[in-house]
């Protein structure tokens, strides 16, 4: 049940962010481009992999930070195996 609740919360957060971008006048084409760029950068990042996060509420970003740390550690280990 916690997994479902977390998933629904993430969907709500994504929808709120999308609504804010649309209100700022970002076009659908630009949103698609942004999502593709983000997916490419996080699914198979080039090395070195650098991320800059802004904002004052770290608690809102903990999931993102954990996900990105896992990706950076994975790439680090892969780099040294070659």
Protein backbone atom coordinates (compact mmCIF):
# COMPACT_ATOMS: atom_id res chain seq x y z
CA UNK A 1 0.00 0.00 0.00
CA UNK A 2 2.90 2.38 0.72
CA UNK A 3 4.22 1.82 -2.80
CA UNK A 4 0.85 2.78 -4.29
CA UNK A 5 0.62 5.85 -2.07
CA UNK A 6 4.14 6.92 -3.08
CA UNK A 7 3.37 6.37 -6.75
CA UNK A 8 0.21 8.47 -6.52
CA UNK A 9 2.08 11.23 -4.72
CA UNK A 10 4.75 11.23 -7.44
CA UNK A 11 2.05 11.49 -10.11
CA UNK A 12 0.45 14.40 -8.26
CA UNK A 13 3.84 16.14 -8.00
CA UNK A 14 4.54 15.58 -11.69
CA UNK A 15 1.14 16.96 -12.64
CA UNK A 16 1.67 20.05 -10.48
CA UNK A 17 5.07 20.67 -12.09
CA UNK A 18 3.58 20.23 -15.55
CA UNK A 19 0.80 22.68 -14.72
CA UNK A 20 3.36 25.26 -13.54
CA UNK A 21 5.40 24.90 -16.72
CA UNK A 22 2.30 25.23 -18.88
CA UNK A 23 1.23 28.32 -16.93
CA UNK A 24 4.67 29.80 -17.67
CA UNK A 25 3.96 29.36 -21.37
CA UNK A 26 6.17 26.34 -22.09
CA UNK A 27 4.93 24.62 -25.25
CA UNK A 28 4.09 20.92 -25.50
CA UNK A 29 6.97 20.46 -27.95
CA UNK A 30 9.40 22.07 -25.50
CA UNK A 31 8.12 19.85 -22.67
CA UNK A 32 8.64 16.74 -24.79
CA UNK A 33 12.15 17.93 -25.64
CA UNK A 34 12.92 18.56 -21.97
CA UNK A 35 11.67 15.10 -20.96
CA UNK A 36 13.71 13.42 -23.70
CA UNK A 37 16.85 15.30 -22.65
CA UNK A 38 16.28 14.42 -18.99
CA UNK A 39 15.68 10.76 -19.83
CA UNK A 40 18.83 10.58 -21.95
CA UNK A 41 20.89 12.30 -19.25
CA UNK A 42 19.70 10.01 -16.46
CA UNK A 43 19.32 6.66 -18.24
CA UNK A 44 22.74 6.57 -19.85
CA UNK A 45 24.69 9.62 -18.66
CA UNK A 46 27.94 10.70 -20.20
CA UNK A 47 30.89 10.78 -17.83
CA UNK A 48 31.74 12.73 -15.82
CA UNK A 49 28.16 12.92 -14.56
CA UNK A 50 27.48 16.23 -12.80
CA UNK A 51 24.19 17.35 -11.30
CA UNK A 52 23.29 20.73 -9.83
CA UNK A 53 20.11 20.88 -7.76
CA UNK A 54 18.61 24.13 -6.56
CA UNK A 55 16.00 25.09 -4.05
CA UNK A 56 15.72 25.40 -0.32
CA UNK A 57 13.80 22.23 0.62
CA UNK A 58 16.20 19.30 0.49
CA UNK A 59 13.49 16.97 1.77
CA UNK A 60 11.63 17.44 -1.53
CA UNK A 61 14.70 16.27 -3.43
CA UNK A 62 15.80 13.27 -1.37
CA UNK A 63 14.34 10.74 -3.81
CA UNK A 64 15.99 12.47 -6.75
CA UNK A 65 19.32 12.66 -4.90
CA UNK A 66 19.21 8.96 -3.99
CA UNK A 67 18.36 7.99 -7.57
CA UNK A 68 21.16 10.13 -9.01
CA UNK A 69 23.67 8.86 -6.45
CA UNK A 70 22.85 5.29 -7.44
CA UNK A 71 23.43 6.18 -11.10
CA UNK A 72 26.68 8.00 -10.39
CA UNK A 73 27.99 5.14 -8.23
CA UNK A 74 27.03 2.62 -10.89
CA UNK A 75 28.88 4.59 -13.54
CA UNK A 76 31.87 5.01 -11.24
CA UNK A 77 32.11 1.27 -10.69
CA UNK A 78 31.61 0.56 -14.39
CA UNK A 79 34.34 3.04 -15.25
CA UNK A 80 36.87 1.27 -13.04
CA UNK A 81 36.02 -2.19 -14.38
CA UNK A 82 37.21 -1.36 -17.88
